[in-house]
């Protein structure tokens, strides 16, 4: 929802764009759009430019993303209280954690050679 809200009214957003922005697999992105459809938050329409393309449109683009996602709003408020140097240290730490988790996931899914 936040991605759609931040894309603006004039941007043509596709499921593929959502997948890329959120770093999801294609099936996960399709499932996400399906859940948004089921909740009545979005509609999927044909592109006026390309008949083959389907665009994802918000039903209500005036909704406040922070109301839908209070955790992210709270985390942004926490981050806003950090001074610049502390924010750099925290960002570096989180990047290292992410890299470690990514490497561990790649090692776990690698085929075992015997």
N, C-alpha and C. Protein backbone atom coordinates (compact mmCIF):
# COMPACT_ATOMS: atom_id res chain seq x y z
N UNK A 1 0.83 -1.19 0.00
CA UNK A 1 0.00 0.00 0.00
C UNK A 1 0.87 1.24 0.00
N UNK A 2 1.91 1.22 0.84
CA UNK A 2 2.78 2.40 0.91
C UNK A 2 3.42 2.65 -0.44
N UNK A 3 3.88 1.61 -1.11
CA UNK A 3 4.48 1.78 -2.44
C UNK A 3 3.48 2.40 -3.40
N UNK A 4 2.26 1.90 -3.40
CA UNK A 4 1.24 2.43 -4.29
C UNK A 4 0.92 3.88 -3.95
N UNK A 5 0.80 4.19 -2.68
CA UNK A 5 0.50 5.56 -2.26
C UNK A 5 1.63 6.51 -2.65
N UNK A 6 2.87 6.06 -2.47
CA UNK A 6 4.01 6.91 -2.76
C UNK A 6 4.29 7.02 -4.26
N UNK A 7 3.71 6.11 -5.06
CA UNK A 7 3.91 6.18 -6.51
C UNK A 7 3.12 7.31 -7.14
N UNK A 8 2.12 7.77 -6.43
CA UNK A 8 1.33 8.90 -6.94
C UNK A 8 0.20 8.46 -7.82
N UNK A 9 -0.69 9.40 -8.07
CA UNK A 9 -1.90 9.10 -8.85
C UNK A 9 -1.61 8.88 -10.31
N UNK A 10 -0.60 9.53 -10.83
CA UNK A 10 -0.37 9.48 -12.27
C UNK A 10 0.51 8.31 -12.68
N UNK A 11 1.20 7.69 -11.73
CA UNK A 11 2.10 6.59 -12.09
C UNK A 11 1.30 5.34 -12.42
N UNK A 12 1.70 4.66 -13.46
CA UNK A 12 1.09 3.40 -13.84
C UNK A 12 1.87 2.30 -13.14
N UNK A 13 1.27 1.65 -12.15
CA UNK A 13 1.95 0.63 -11.35
C UNK A 13 1.46 -0.75 -11.76
N UNK A 14 2.40 -1.64 -12.03
CA UNK A 14 2.07 -3.02 -12.38
C UNK A 14 2.52 -3.94 -11.25
N UNK A 15 2.02 -5.16 -11.29
CA UNK A 15 2.46 -6.15 -10.30
C UNK A 15 3.97 -6.35 -10.40
N UNK A 16 4.52 -6.33 -11.60
CA UNK A 16 5.97 -6.48 -11.77
C UNK A 16 6.74 -5.36 -11.08
N UNK A 17 6.20 -4.15 -11.13
CA UNK A 17 6.86 -3.03 -10.45
C UNK A 17 6.81 -3.22 -8.94
N UNK A 18 5.69 -3.72 -8.44
CA UNK A 18 5.56 -3.98 -7.00
C UNK A 18 6.55 -5.06 -6.59
N UNK A 19 6.63 -6.12 -7.38
CA UNK A 19 7.57 -7.22 -7.12
C UNK A 19 9.00 -6.69 -7.04
N UNK A 20 9.39 -5.86 -7.99
CA UNK A 20 10.75 -5.33 -8.02
C UNK A 20 11.00 -4.39 -6.83
N UNK A 21 10.06 -3.53 -6.54
CA UNK A 21 10.24 -2.56 -5.46
C UNK A 21 10.33 -3.22 -4.10
N UNK A 22 9.55 -4.28 -3.91
CA UNK A 22 9.52 -4.95 -2.60
C UNK A 22 10.42 -6.17 -2.55
N UNK A 23 11.11 -6.45 -3.66
CA UNK A 23 12.02 -7.58 -3.75
C UNK A 23 11.32 -8.89 -3.42
N UNK A 24 10.20 -9.10 -4.08
CA UNK A 24 9.41 -10.32 -3.90
C UNK A 24 9.60 -11.23 -5.10
N UNK A 25 9.21 -12.47 -4.93
CA UNK A 25 9.13 -13.36 -6.09
C UNK A 25 7.85 -13.01 -6.83
N UNK A 26 7.77 -13.39 -8.09
CA UNK A 26 6.57 -13.10 -8.87
C UNK A 26 5.32 -13.72 -8.24
N UNK A 27 5.37 -14.99 -7.78
CA UNK A 27 4.17 -15.55 -7.14
C UNK A 27 3.78 -14.81 -5.86
N UNK A 28 4.76 -14.37 -5.09
CA UNK A 28 4.46 -13.62 -3.86
C UNK A 28 3.83 -12.28 -4.20
N UNK A 29 4.30 -11.64 -5.25
CA UNK A 29 3.73 -10.36 -5.67
C UNK A 29 2.30 -10.52 -6.15
N UNK A 30 2.05 -11.58 -6.89
CA UNK A 30 0.70 -11.85 -7.36
C UNK A 30 -0.22 -12.13 -6.18
N UNK A 31 0.27 -12.89 -5.20
CA UNK A 31 -0.53 -13.18 -4.01
C UNK A 31 -0.81 -11.91 -3.21
N UNK A 32 0.18 -11.04 -3.11
CA UNK A 32 0.01 -9.77 -2.40
C UNK A 32 -1.08 -8.94 -3.06
N UNK A 33 -1.00 -8.80 -4.37
CA UNK A 33 -2.03 -8.03 -5.09
C UNK A 33 -3.39 -8.69 -4.91
N UNK A 34 -3.43 -10.01 -4.90
CA UNK A 34 -4.67 -10.73 -4.66
C UNK A 34 -5.27 -10.43 -3.29
N UNK A 35 -4.42 -10.34 -2.27
CA UNK A 35 -4.91 -10.00 -0.92
C UNK A 35 -5.43 -8.57 -0.87
N UNK A 36 -4.73 -7.66 -1.55
CA UNK A 36 -5.19 -6.27 -1.60
C UNK A 36 -6.53 -6.17 -2.32
N UNK A 37 -6.68 -6.95 -3.40
CA UNK A 37 -7.96 -7.00 -4.13
C UNK A 37 -9.08 -7.53 -3.23
N UNK A 38 -8.79 -8.62 -2.52
CA UNK A 38 -9.79 -9.24 -1.66
C UNK A 38 -10.24 -8.30 -0.54
N UNK A 39 -9.35 -7.45 -0.07
CA UNK A 39 -9.69 -6.49 0.98
C UNK A 39 -10.35 -5.24 0.42
N UNK A 40 -10.46 -5.16 -0.91
CA UNK A 40 -11.10 -3.99 -1.52
C UNK A 40 -10.24 -2.74 -1.51
N UNK A 41 -8.92 -2.92 -1.39
CA UNK A 41 -8.01 -1.77 -1.33
C UNK A 41 -7.52 -1.34 -2.71
N UNK A 42 -7.52 -2.27 -3.67
CA UNK A 42 -7.06 -1.96 -5.02
C UNK A 42 -8.01 -2.58 -6.04
N UNK A 43 -7.87 -2.10 -7.27
CA UNK A 43 -8.50 -2.74 -8.42
C UNK A 43 -7.40 -2.97 -9.45
N UNK A 44 -7.61 -3.95 -10.30
CA UNK A 44 -6.66 -4.21 -11.38
C UNK A 44 -7.38 -3.88 -12.67
N UNK A 45 -6.74 -3.04 -13.47
CA UNK A 45 -7.35 -2.58 -14.71
C UNK A 45 -6.37 -2.72 -15.86
N UNK A 46 -6.91 -2.76 -17.04
CA UNK A 46 -6.07 -2.78 -18.24
C UNK A 46 -5.41 -1.43 -18.43
N UNK A 47 -4.22 -1.46 -18.97
CA UNK A 47 -3.50 -0.22 -19.24
C UNK A 47 -4.12 0.47 -20.45
N UNK A 48 -4.31 1.79 -20.38
CA UNK A 48 -4.83 2.50 -21.54
C UNK A 48 -3.83 2.54 -22.69
N UNK A 49 -2.57 2.29 -22.38
CA UNK A 49 -1.50 2.36 -23.38
C UNK A 49 -1.21 1.00 -24.00
N UNK A 50 -1.24 -0.05 -23.18
CA UNK A 50 -0.85 -1.39 -23.65
C UNK A 50 -1.89 -2.40 -23.15
N UNK A 51 -2.66 -2.97 -24.05
CA UNK A 51 -3.74 -3.90 -23.67
C UNK A 51 -3.24 -5.09 -22.87
N UNK A 52 -2.00 -5.51 -23.09
CA UNK A 52 -1.47 -6.68 -22.41
C UNK A 52 -1.12 -6.40 -20.96
N UNK A 53 -0.90 -5.15 -20.63
CA UNK A 53 -0.45 -4.78 -19.29
C UNK A 53 -1.63 -4.54 -18.37
N UNK A 54 -1.50 -5.02 -17.13
CA UNK A 54 -2.50 -4.78 -16.09
C UNK A 54 -1.90 -3.84 -15.05
N UNK A 55 -2.66 -2.82 -14.70
CA UNK A 55 -2.19 -1.86 -13.70
C UNK A 55 -2.95 -2.06 -12.40
N UNK A 56 -2.26 -1.78 -11.30
CA UNK A 56 -2.84 -1.89 -9.97
C UNK A 56 -3.16 -0.47 -9.51
N UNK A 57 -4.43 -0.23 -9.21
CA UNK A 57 -4.88 1.11 -8.83
C UNK A 57 -5.49 1.08 -7.44
N UNK A 58 -5.18 2.10 -6.65
CA UNK A 58 -5.78 2.21 -5.33
C UNK A 58 -7.25 2.58 -5.45
N UNK A 59 -8.07 1.99 -4.62
CA UNK A 59 -9.47 2.37 -4.57
C UNK A 59 -9.58 3.75 -3.93
N UNK A 60 -8.80 3.99 -2.87
CA UNK A 60 -8.82 5.27 -2.16
C UNK A 60 -7.39 5.74 -2.00
N UNK A 61 -6.98 6.72 -2.80
CA UNK A 61 -5.59 7.20 -2.71
C UNK A 61 -5.42 8.30 -1.67
N UNK A 62 -6.44 8.53 -0.86
CA UNK A 62 -6.32 9.53 0.21
C UNK A 62 -6.03 8.87 1.55
N UNK A 63 -6.00 7.53 1.57
CA UNK A 63 -5.74 6.83 2.82
C UNK A 63 -4.33 7.16 3.31
N UNK A 64 -4.17 7.24 4.62
CA UNK A 64 -2.86 7.50 5.23
C UNK A 64 -2.15 6.17 5.42
N UNK A 65 -1.00 6.01 4.79
CA UNK A 65 -0.26 4.75 4.87
C UNK A 65 0.10 4.42 6.31
N UNK A 66 0.34 5.43 7.14
CA UNK A 66 0.68 5.17 8.53
C UNK A 66 -0.48 4.55 9.30
N UNK A 67 -1.72 4.82 8.87
CA UNK A 67 -2.87 4.19 9.50
C UNK A 67 -2.94 2.71 9.17
N UNK A 68 -2.49 2.35 7.97
CA UNK A 68 -2.49 0.94 7.55
C UNK A 68 -1.29 0.18 8.09
N UNK A 69 -0.23 0.91 8.36
CA UNK A 69 1.03 0.28 8.75
C UNK A 69 1.64 1.03 9.93
N UNK A 70 1.05 0.91 11.13
CA UNK A 70 1.55 1.67 12.27
C UNK A 70 2.96 1.27 12.70
N UNK A 71 3.36 0.03 12.45
CA UNK A 71 4.71 -0.38 12.82
C UNK A 71 5.76 0.43 12.05
N UNK A 72 5.57 0.56 10.74
CA UNK A 72 6.52 1.34 9.95
C UNK A 72 6.54 2.79 10.39
N UNK A 73 5.39 3.35 10.70
CA UNK A 73 5.33 4.73 11.18
C UNK A 73 6.11 4.88 12.48
N UNK A 74 5.96 3.92 13.37
CA UNK A 74 6.69 3.97 14.64
C UNK A 74 8.20 3.83 14.42
N UNK A 75 8.59 2.91 13.52
CA UNK A 75 10.02 2.73 13.24
C UNK A 75 10.62 3.98 12.60
N UNK A 76 9.86 4.65 11.74
CA UNK A 76 10.35 5.90 11.14
C UNK A 76 10.53 6.97 12.20
N UNK A 77 9.61 7.01 13.16
CA UNK A 77 9.74 7.99 14.25
C UNK A 77 10.97 7.71 15.10
N UNK A 78 11.24 6.43 15.36
CA UNK A 78 12.45 6.05 16.10
C UNK A 78 13.69 6.49 15.33
N UNK A 79 13.71 6.20 14.03
CA UNK A 79 14.85 6.57 13.19
C UNK A 79 15.04 8.08 13.13
N UNK A 80 13.95 8.82 13.10
CA UNK A 80 14.03 10.28 13.04
C UNK A 80 14.69 10.88 14.28
N UNK A 81 14.65 10.16 15.40
CA UNK A 81 15.25 10.68 16.63
C UNK A 81 16.76 10.46 16.69
N UNK A 82 17.29 9.66 15.76
CA UNK A 82 18.73 9.40 15.76
C UNK A 82 19.49 10.59 15.18
N UNK A 83 20.61 10.92 15.80
CA UNK A 83 21.48 11.93 15.21
C UNK A 83 22.21 11.27 14.05
N UNK A 84 22.75 12.08 13.14
CA UNK A 84 23.31 11.58 11.88
C UNK A 84 24.35 10.48 12.11
N UNK A 85 25.32 10.69 12.97
CA UNK A 85 26.38 9.69 13.16
C UNK A 85 25.82 8.39 13.74
N UNK A 86 24.88 8.49 14.67
CA UNK A 86 24.26 7.27 15.20
C UNK A 86 23.48 6.54 14.12
N UNK A 87 22.80 7.29 13.27
CA UNK A 87 22.04 6.68 12.18
C UNK A 87 22.97 5.93 11.23
N UNK A 88 24.15 6.50 10.97
CA UNK A 88 25.13 5.82 10.09
C UNK A 88 25.57 4.51 10.71
N UNK A 89 25.84 4.49 12.02
CA UNK A 89 26.27 3.27 12.71
C UNK A 89 25.16 2.22 12.65
N UNK A 90 23.94 2.62 12.95
CA UNK A 90 22.81 1.69 12.92
C UNK A 90 22.60 1.16 11.51
N UNK A 91 22.66 2.02 10.51
CA UNK A 91 22.47 1.60 9.12
C UNK A 91 23.55 0.60 8.72
N UNK A 92 24.78 0.87 9.09
CA UNK A 92 25.87 -0.07 8.79
C UNK A 92 25.65 -1.42 9.44
N UNK A 93 25.23 -1.39 10.70
CA UNK A 93 24.94 -2.63 11.42
C UNK A 93 23.84 -3.42 10.72
N UNK A 94 22.74 -2.74 10.36
CA UNK A 94 21.62 -3.42 9.72
C UNK A 94 22.00 -3.97 8.35
N UNK A 95 22.85 -3.26 7.62
CA UNK A 95 23.32 -3.76 6.32
C UNK A 95 24.15 -5.03 6.52
N UNK A 96 24.97 -5.04 7.57
CA UNK A 96 25.78 -6.23 7.85
C UNK A 96 24.90 -7.41 8.26
N UNK A 97 23.87 -7.14 9.07
CA UNK A 97 22.93 -8.19 9.46
C UNK A 97 22.22 -8.75 8.22
N UNK A 98 21.76 -7.88 7.35
CA UNK A 98 21.08 -8.32 6.13
C UNK A 98 22.00 -9.18 5.26
N UNK A 99 23.25 -8.73 5.10
CA UNK A 99 24.20 -9.50 4.29
C UNK A 99 24.45 -10.88 4.91
N UNK A 100 24.55 -10.94 6.22
CA UNK A 100 24.78 -12.21 6.91
C UNK A 100 23.59 -13.15 6.72
N UNK A 101 22.39 -12.62 6.86
CA UNK A 101 21.18 -13.43 6.68
C UNK A 101 21.08 -13.91 5.24
N UNK A 102 21.40 -13.03 4.29
CA UNK A 102 21.35 -13.40 2.88
C UNK A 102 22.33 -14.53 2.58
N UNK A 103 23.57 -14.38 3.09
CA UNK A 103 24.57 -15.44 2.88
C UNK A 103 24.13 -16.76 3.50
N UNK A 104 23.56 -16.72 4.70
CA UNK A 104 23.10 -17.92 5.37
C UNK A 104 21.98 -18.58 4.57
N UNK A 105 21.09 -17.79 4.02
CA UNK A 105 20.01 -18.34 3.19
C UNK A 105 20.53 -18.98 1.92
N UNK A 106 21.54 -18.36 1.33
CA UNK A 106 22.13 -18.91 0.11
C UNK A 106 22.84 -20.22 0.41
N UNK A 107 23.52 -20.28 1.56
CA UNK A 107 24.24 -21.51 1.95
C UNK A 107 23.23 -22.62 2.24
N UNK A 108 22.12 -22.28 2.88
CA UNK A 108 21.12 -23.28 3.24
C UNK A 108 20.43 -23.86 2.00
N UNK A 109 20.30 -23.03 0.95
CA UNK A 109 19.60 -23.52 -0.24
C UNK A 109 20.54 -24.09 -1.29
N UNK A 110 21.85 -24.03 -1.02
CA UNK A 110 22.82 -24.57 -1.97
C UNK A 110 22.77 -26.09 -1.94
N UNK A 111 22.91 -26.72 -3.10
CA UNK A 111 22.88 -28.20 -3.12
C UNK A 111 24.10 -28.75 -2.38
N UNK A 112 23.87 -29.84 -1.69
CA UNK A 112 24.95 -30.50 -0.95
C UNK A 112 25.69 -31.41 -1.91
N UNK A 113 27.01 -31.21 -1.98
CA UNK A 113 27.85 -32.01 -2.85
C UNK A 113 28.53 -33.08 -2.01
N UNK A 114 28.35 -34.34 -2.41
CA UNK A 114 28.98 -35.43 -1.65
C UNK A 114 29.93 -36.21 -2.48
